[in-house]
């Protein structure tokens, strides 16, 4: 799919009027709702806050058609359900009357979740790093239990290759930069692919940054938004939380690992995958922006996406990242 195949933005989710949304939830769950139907921010899906007759808040998520297969959504919900059953703090979907967690409204899949408020932190203290380590170790202990058959595997020659193929097969990059981008990303994959050989791949959150962790007073951190769960190395659920590069984050990593290893062994060799994973994340985000343009034709997460200046900047960032991978700084800590 490329930008010439854009979906008409006026037709995307056009059926989701408040009446339709409320009726779908009432029918699926067998409950009654008030007239509250408050849209919430979401770049990809359509998400609404509703209220049941007894005053409880619920969140209904309508998944963007074509973005995930039913099997991929089932992988997400199965993982959340397993975690919730073990009282790991995640927000799992409700079961509908038919016992499933997904329903269809025409071509749109949807799910309903309990509303749970909380606040995000953009930096953590020592005790919170310990808590995050324990939380993610428990998540990963469940994640290693079975495979997610319909989710990407976070390997350069699989997930990142898929993202690159999507970008290069569309008309997203100006003609004068396409060759340079392809040569650079080919070099990058050649450089980092061997580094993932023999690394364990388990079900992980996949998008574990501070906005996807909320803290509830008197409770704990909750890990939210498993839309991008993948089969990947556990280190991927750590590095996006760090305040800087590994060489700048020894204290945070040591505290995290102390908490993590309370419940699960951590392969410290994988700390060397942080910079390759950062490069893969750059490419993932480029592909995500491209999908956004194709999906609705109007949304720009990055306002200048697709411009010559945008791709010059992305190429420069990837060049710098490849150099950092090839010439890593000396690490003086004792965590490796």
Protein backbone atom coordinates (compact mmCIF):
# COMPACT_ATOMS: atom_id res chain seq x y z
CA UNK A 1 0.00 0.00 0.00
CA UNK A 2 1.28 3.49 -0.74
CA UNK A 3 0.02 7.02 -0.50
CA UNK A 4 -1.86 6.75 -3.77
CA UNK A 5 -4.11 4.23 -2.02
CA UNK A 6 -5.13 6.47 0.84
CA UNK A 7 -8.39 5.73 2.59
CA UNK A 8 -10.90 8.56 2.36
CA UNK A 9 -10.70 10.16 5.83
CA UNK A 10 -14.41 10.96 5.76
CA UNK A 11 -15.25 7.25 5.73
CA UNK A 12 -12.88 6.03 8.47
CA UNK A 13 -14.90 5.18 11.57
CA UNK A 14 -17.77 7.23 10.14
CA UNK A 15 -20.36 4.92 11.67
CA UNK A 16 -19.24 5.58 15.24
CA UNK A 17 -21.86 8.01 16.43
CA UNK A 18 -22.49 8.18 20.21
CA UNK A 19 -25.70 6.19 19.82
CA UNK A 20 -23.93 3.43 17.89
CA UNK A 21 -21.05 3.29 20.38
CA UNK A 22 -23.31 3.08 23.43
CA UNK A 23 -25.61 0.50 21.84
CA UNK A 24 -22.66 -1.71 20.86
CA UNK A 25 -21.30 -1.73 24.40
CA UNK A 26 -24.71 -2.31 25.99
CA UNK A 27 -25.47 -5.19 23.67
CA UNK A 28 -22.03 -6.79 23.99
CA UNK A 29 -21.77 -6.60 27.77
CA UNK A 30 -25.45 -6.87 28.62
CA UNK A 31 -25.43 -3.66 30.67
CA UNK A 32 -27.05 -0.24 30.57
CA UNK A 33 -25.08 2.96 30.05
CA UNK A 34 -25.80 6.62 30.60
CA UNK A 35 -25.63 9.07 27.71
CA UNK A 36 -21.99 9.92 28.40
CA UNK A 37 -19.81 9.26 25.34
CA UNK A 38 -16.57 11.21 25.61
CA UNK A 39 -13.97 10.77 22.82
CA UNK A 40 -10.40 10.32 24.05
CA UNK A 41 -7.16 11.08 22.25
CA UNK A 42 -5.81 8.30 20.03
CA UNK A 43 -3.77 8.60 16.86
CA UNK A 44 -4.71 5.18 15.50
CA UNK A 45 -7.88 3.86 17.06
CA UNK A 46 -11.12 5.48 18.16
CA UNK A 47 -11.47 5.47 21.94
CA UNK A 48 -14.42 6.62 24.05
CA UNK A 49 -15.20 6.91 27.73
CA UNK A 50 -18.65 5.68 28.70
CA UNK A 51 -20.44 5.37 32.02
CA UNK A 52 -22.61 2.51 33.21
CA UNK A 53 -25.90 3.07 34.99
CA UNK A 54 -24.24 2.31 38.32
CA UNK A 55 -21.69 5.09 37.77
CA UNK A 56 -18.66 3.02 36.74
CA UNK A 57 -16.44 4.33 33.96
CA UNK A 58 -15.56 2.09 31.02
CA UNK A 59 -13.32 2.67 28.03
CA UNK A 60 -14.28 1.27 24.63
CA UNK A 61 -11.59 0.96 21.98
CA UNK A 62 -12.48 0.55 18.29
CA UNK A 63 -9.42 -0.76 16.47
CA UNK A 64 -8.50 0.83 13.15
CA UNK A 65 -9.56 -1.54 10.34
CA UNK A 66 -6.65 -3.20 8.57
CA UNK A 67 -4.03 -2.35 11.19
CA UNK A 68 -4.18 -5.61 13.16
CA UNK A 69 -5.51 -9.02 12.23
CA UNK A 70 -8.06 -10.68 14.54
CA UNK A 71 -5.35 -13.17 15.50
CA UNK A 72 -2.97 -10.34 16.45
CA UNK A 73 -5.63 -8.71 18.62
CA UNK A 74 -6.28 -12.06 20.26
CA UNK A 75 -2.56 -12.34 21.07
CA UNK A 76 -2.76 -9.00 22.87
CA UNK A 77 -5.90 -9.86 24.82
CA UNK A 78 -4.66 -13.34 25.75
CA UNK A 79 -1.46 -11.83 27.15
CA UNK A 80 -3.39 -9.20 29.14
CA UNK A 81 -5.78 -11.82 30.50
CA UNK A 82 -2.94 -14.09 31.62
CA UNK A 83 -1.25 -11.16 33.37
CA UNK A 84 -4.44 -10.00 35.10
CA UNK A 85 -5.22 -13.51 36.33
CA UNK A 86 -1.89 -13.46 38.17
CA UNK A 87 -2.73 -10.04 39.65
CA UNK A 88 -0.03 -8.28 37.66
CA UNK A 89 -1.11 -4.63 37.33
CA UNK A 90 -2.37 -4.29 33.78
CA UNK A 91 -5.78 -3.30 32.46
CA UNK A 92 -7.33 -6.32 30.83
CA UNK A 93 -10.46 -6.20 28.63
CA UNK A 94 -13.84 -7.29 29.85
CA UNK A 95 -15.39 -10.51 28.62
CA UNK A 96 -18.47 -9.95 26.50
CA UNK A 97 -21.58 -12.07 26.98
CA UNK A 98 -20.26 -14.65 24.52
CA UNK A 99 -17.09 -15.12 26.60
CA UNK A 100 -14.79 -13.37 24.12
CA UNK A 101 -12.93 -10.10 24.64
CA UNK A 102 -13.41 -8.87 21.07
CA UNK A 103 -16.59 -8.00 19.20
CA UNK A 104 -17.24 -6.77 15.68
CA UNK A 105 -19.22 -3.77 14.56
CA UNK A 106 -19.30 -4.11 10.81
CA UNK A 107 -15.64 -4.25 9.79
CA UNK A 108 -14.40 -2.77 13.07
CA UNK A 109 -13.19 -4.83 16.03
CA UNK A 110 -13.75 -3.37 19.47
CA UNK A 111 -13.08 -4.13 23.12
CA UNK A 112 -14.15 -2.64 26.45
CA UNK A 113 -11.85 -1.99 29.40
CA UNK A 114 -12.40 -0.75 32.94
CA UNK A 115 -11.48 2.89 33.43
CA UNK A 116 -8.46 3.34 35.68
CA UNK A 117 -7.01 6.78 36.28
CA UNK A 118 -3.44 7.47 37.28
CA UNK A 119 -0.51 9.76 36.64
CA UNK A 120 2.61 9.34 34.55
CA UNK A 121 6.13 10.16 35.67
CA UNK A 122 8.86 11.22 33.28
CA UNK A 123 11.57 10.34 35.80
CA UNK A 124 11.70 7.80 38.61
CA UNK A 125 13.31 7.65 42.03
CA UNK A 126 15.35 4.71 43.32
CA UNK A 127 12.40 2.87 44.85
CA UNK A 128 10.37 3.32 41.66
CA UNK A 129 13.17 1.83 39.54
CA UNK A 130 13.16 -1.19 41.83
CA UNK A 131 9.38 -1.42 41.48
CA UNK A 132 9.56 -1.15 37.69
CA UNK A 133 12.14 -3.92 37.61
CA UNK A 134 9.90 -6.21 39.65
CA UNK A 135 6.87 -5.36 37.52
CA UNK A 136 8.54 -6.05 34.18
CA UNK A 137 10.16 -9.23 35.48
CA UNK A 138 6.70 -10.54 36.39
CA UNK A 139 5.36 -9.52 32.98
CA UNK A 140 8.23 -11.27 31.23
CA UNK A 141 7.85 -14.40 33.36
CA UNK A 142 4.37 -14.71 31.90
CA UNK A 143 5.54 -13.61 28.46
CA UNK A 144 7.97 -16.48 28.15
CA UNK A 145 5.20 -19.00 28.74
CA UNK A 146 4.06 -19.19 25.13
CA UNK A 147 4.46 -17.48 21.78
CA UNK A 148 2.39 -14.76 20.18
CA UNK A 149 1.85 -16.39 16.81
CA UNK A 150 0.45 -13.39 14.96
CA UNK A 151 2.77 -10.67 16.25
CA UNK A 152 6.02 -9.36 14.81
CA UNK A 153 9.29 -10.73 16.11
CA UNK A 154 11.59 -7.85 16.98
CA UNK A 155 14.56 -8.86 14.87
CA UNK A 156 16.32 -6.62 12.33
CA UNK A 157 15.82 -9.03 9.44
CA UNK A 158 12.14 -9.50 10.29
CA UNK A 159 10.37 -6.58 11.98
CA UNK A 160 12.73 -3.86 10.76
CA UNK A 161 12.91 -5.36 7.28
CA UNK A 162 9.11 -5.31 7.17
CA UNK A 163 9.07 -1.63 8.16
CA UNK A 164 11.71 -0.75 5.56
CA UNK A 165 9.90 -2.61 2.81
CA UNK A 166 6.73 -0.68 3.62
CA UNK A 167 8.56 2.65 3.47
CA UNK A 168 10.52 1.87 0.31
CA UNK A 169 7.61 0.38 -1.59
CA UNK A 170 5.53 3.49 -1.01
CA UNK A 171 6.30 6.92 -2.39
CA UNK A 172 7.15 8.42 0.98
CA UNK A 173 10.82 9.33 0.32
CA UNK A 174 11.77 12.00 -2.23
CA UNK A 175 13.46 10.44 -5.27
CA UNK A 176 16.76 12.19 -4.60
CA UNK A 177 17.11 10.52 -1.20
CA UNK A 178 15.73 7.03 -1.81
CA UNK A 179 19.01 5.46 -2.88
CA UNK A 180 20.92 6.95 0.05
CA UNK A 181 18.26 5.80 2.52
CA UNK A 182 18.28 2.26 1.12
CA UNK A 183 22.07 1.97 1.15
CA UNK A 184 22.25 3.26 4.70
CA UNK A 185 19.53 0.98 6.07
CA UNK A 186 21.01 -2.03 4.26
CA UNK A 187 24.34 -1.28 5.98
CA UNK A 188 22.55 -0.94 9.30
CA UNK A 189 20.80 -4.31 9.01
CA UNK A 190 24.02 -6.04 7.99
CA UNK A 191 25.73 -4.52 11.04
CA UNK A 192 23.14 -5.33 13.70
CA UNK A 193 21.44 -8.56 12.55
CA UNK A 194 24.20 -10.91 13.81
CA UNK A 195 24.04 -9.29 17.25
CA UNK A 196 20.59 -10.80 17.85
CA UNK A 197 21.62 -14.40 17.20
CA UNK A 198 20.86 -16.63 20.16
CA UNK A 199 18.93 -13.94 22.05
CA UNK A 200 15.70 -15.08 23.71
CA UNK A 201 12.50 -13.76 22.14
CA UNK A 202 9.45 -13.68 24.40
CA UNK A 203 6.18 -11.79 24.58
CA UNK A 204 6.96 -8.26 25.75
CA UNK A 205 5.04 -4.99 25.98
CA UNK A 206 6.96 -3.59 23.01
CA UNK A 207 6.22 0.11 23.60
CA UNK A 208 7.34 0.55 27.19
CA UNK A 209 7.93 4.26 27.71
CA UNK A 210 6.85 6.51 30.57
CA UNK A 211 3.51 7.45 28.96
CA UNK A 212 2.47 3.79 29.06
CA UNK A 213 3.05 3.48 32.80
CA UNK A 214 0.57 5.08 35.16
CA UNK A 215 0.85 5.22 38.92
CA UNK A 216 -2.19 4.83 41.13
CA UNK A 217 -1.79 6.21 44.66
CA UNK A 218 -1.83 3.46 47.26
CA UNK A 219 -1.42 0.80 44.56
CA UNK A 220 1.43 0.52 42.09
CA UNK A 221 2.48 1.21 38.57
CA UNK A 222 0.10 -0.09 35.92
CA UNK A 223 1.46 -1.06 32.52
CA UNK A 224 -1.03 0.07 29.86
CA UNK A 225 -1.55 0.02 26.08
CA UNK A 226 -0.33 -3.33 24.78
CA UNK A 227 -1.26 -2.48 21.17
CA UNK A 228 2.34 -2.89 20.01
CA UNK A 229 3.21 -6.09 21.89
CA UNK A 230 5.78 -8.19 20.05
CA UNK A 231 7.99 -11.18 20.43
CA UNK A 232 11.23 -9.51 21.45
CA UNK A 233 14.20 -9.39 23.83
CA UNK A 234 13.31 -8.31 27.39
CA UNK A 235 15.83 -5.43 27.21
CA UNK A 236 13.48 -3.65 24.81
CA UNK A 237 11.03 -3.04 27.67
CA UNK A 238 13.78 -1.26 29.64
CA UNK A 239 15.78 1.00 27.38
CA UNK A 240 13.02 3.47 26.44
CA UNK A 241 12.52 4.23 30.15
CA UNK A 242 16.13 5.27 30.66
CA UNK A 243 16.90 8.99 31.04
CA UNK A 244 19.77 8.83 28.54
CA UNK A 245 22.27 6.52 26.89
CA UNK A 246 23.46 3.48 28.82
CA UNK A 247 26.71 5.25 29.75
CA UNK A 248 24.61 7.96 31.40
CA UNK A 249 22.17 5.63 33.17
CA UNK A 250 24.19 3.15 35.24
CA UNK A 251 22.43 3.95 38.51
CA UNK A 252 18.97 3.55 36.99
CA UNK A 253 19.92 0.28 35.27
CA UNK A 254 21.46 -1.14 38.46
CA UNK A 255 18.33 -0.36 40.47
CA UNK A 256 16.07 -1.74 37.75
CA UNK A 257 18.06 -4.98 37.53
CA UNK A 258 18.07 -5.40 41.31
CA UNK A 259 14.28 -5.32 41.23
CA UNK A 260 14.03 -7.42 38.06
CA UNK A 261 16.26 -10.23 39.33
CA UNK A 262 14.03 -10.64 42.37
CA UNK A 263 11.71 -12.56 40.03
CA UNK A 264 13.61 -13.39 36.85
CA UNK A 265 17.14 -13.74 35.54
CA UNK A 266 18.23 -10.91 33.24
CA UNK A 267 20.71 -11.54 30.43
CA UNK A 268 23.08 -8.60 30.92
CA UNK A 269 24.74 -9.23 27.58
CA UNK A 270 21.61 -7.81 25.97
CA UNK A 271 22.40 -4.34 27.32
CA UNK A 272 24.62 -4.12 24.23
CA UNK A 273 21.47 -4.34 22.09
CA UNK A 274 20.17 -0.98 23.31
CA UNK A 275 21.71 1.06 20.49
CA UNK A 276 20.68 -1.40 17.73
CA UNK A 277 17.17 -1.37 19.21
CA UNK A 278 17.22 2.44 19.23
CA UNK A 279 18.03 2.44 15.51
CA UNK A 280 15.23 -0.06 14.90
CA UNK A 281 12.90 2.20 16.85
CA UNK A 282 13.75 5.12 14.56
CA UNK A 283 12.71 3.03 11.57
CA UNK A 284 9.62 1.72 13.35
CA UNK A 285 8.50 5.31 13.97
CA UNK A 286 9.06 6.28 10.33
CA UNK A 287 6.90 3.36 9.22
CA UNK A 288 4.27 4.22 11.84
CA UNK A 289 4.06 7.78 10.50
CA UNK A 290 3.74 6.41 6.98
CA UNK A 291 0.91 4.10 8.05
CA UNK A 292 -0.86 7.07 9.61
CA UNK A 293 -0.78 8.97 6.34
CA UNK A 294 -2.06 6.00 4.40
CA UNK A 295 -4.74 5.09 6.92
CA UNK A 296 -6.56 8.40 7.00
CA UNK A 297 -4.78 10.75 4.63
CA UNK A 298 -4.69 13.70 7.00
CA UNK A 299 -3.02 12.82 10.29
CA UNK A 300 0.60 13.93 10.61
CA UNK A 301 2.24 12.89 13.86
CA UNK A 302 5.28 14.79 12.58
CA UNK A 303 4.07 17.87 10.75
CA UNK A 304 6.74 17.79 8.01
CA UNK A 305 6.60 14.03 7.44
CA UNK A 306 7.43 13.20 3.82
CA UNK A 307 9.27 16.45 3.08
CA UNK A 308 12.83 16.55 1.81
CA UNK A 309 13.94 18.14 5.09
CA UNK A 310 12.26 15.39 7.11
CA UNK A 311 14.08 12.60 5.29
CA UNK A 312 17.41 14.45 5.34
CA UNK A 313 17.06 14.66 9.12
CA UNK A 314 16.09 11.01 9.48
CA UNK A 315 19.02 9.89 7.32
CA UNK A 316 21.40 12.02 9.36
CA UNK A 317 20.06 10.55 12.61
CA UNK A 318 20.46 7.01 11.29
CA UNK A 319 24.02 7.76 10.13
CA UNK A 320 24.89 9.01 13.61
CA UNK A 321 23.24 5.99 15.21
CA UNK A 322 25.10 3.56 12.96
CA UNK A 323 28.35 5.27 13.93
CA UNK A 324 27.44 4.94 17.60
CA UNK A 325 26.74 1.23 17.13
CA UNK A 326 30.05 0.69 15.36
CA UNK A 327 32.03 2.86 17.79
CA UNK A 328 30.35 2.54 21.19
CA UNK A 329 31.61 4.66 24.08
CA UNK A 330 33.63 2.94 26.78
CA UNK A 331 31.49 1.76 29.68
CA UNK A 332 32.98 2.02 33.12
CA UNK A 333 30.10 0.59 35.11
CA UNK A 334 29.98 -2.94 36.53
CA UNK A 335 26.58 -3.96 35.15
CA UNK A 336 27.89 -5.94 32.14
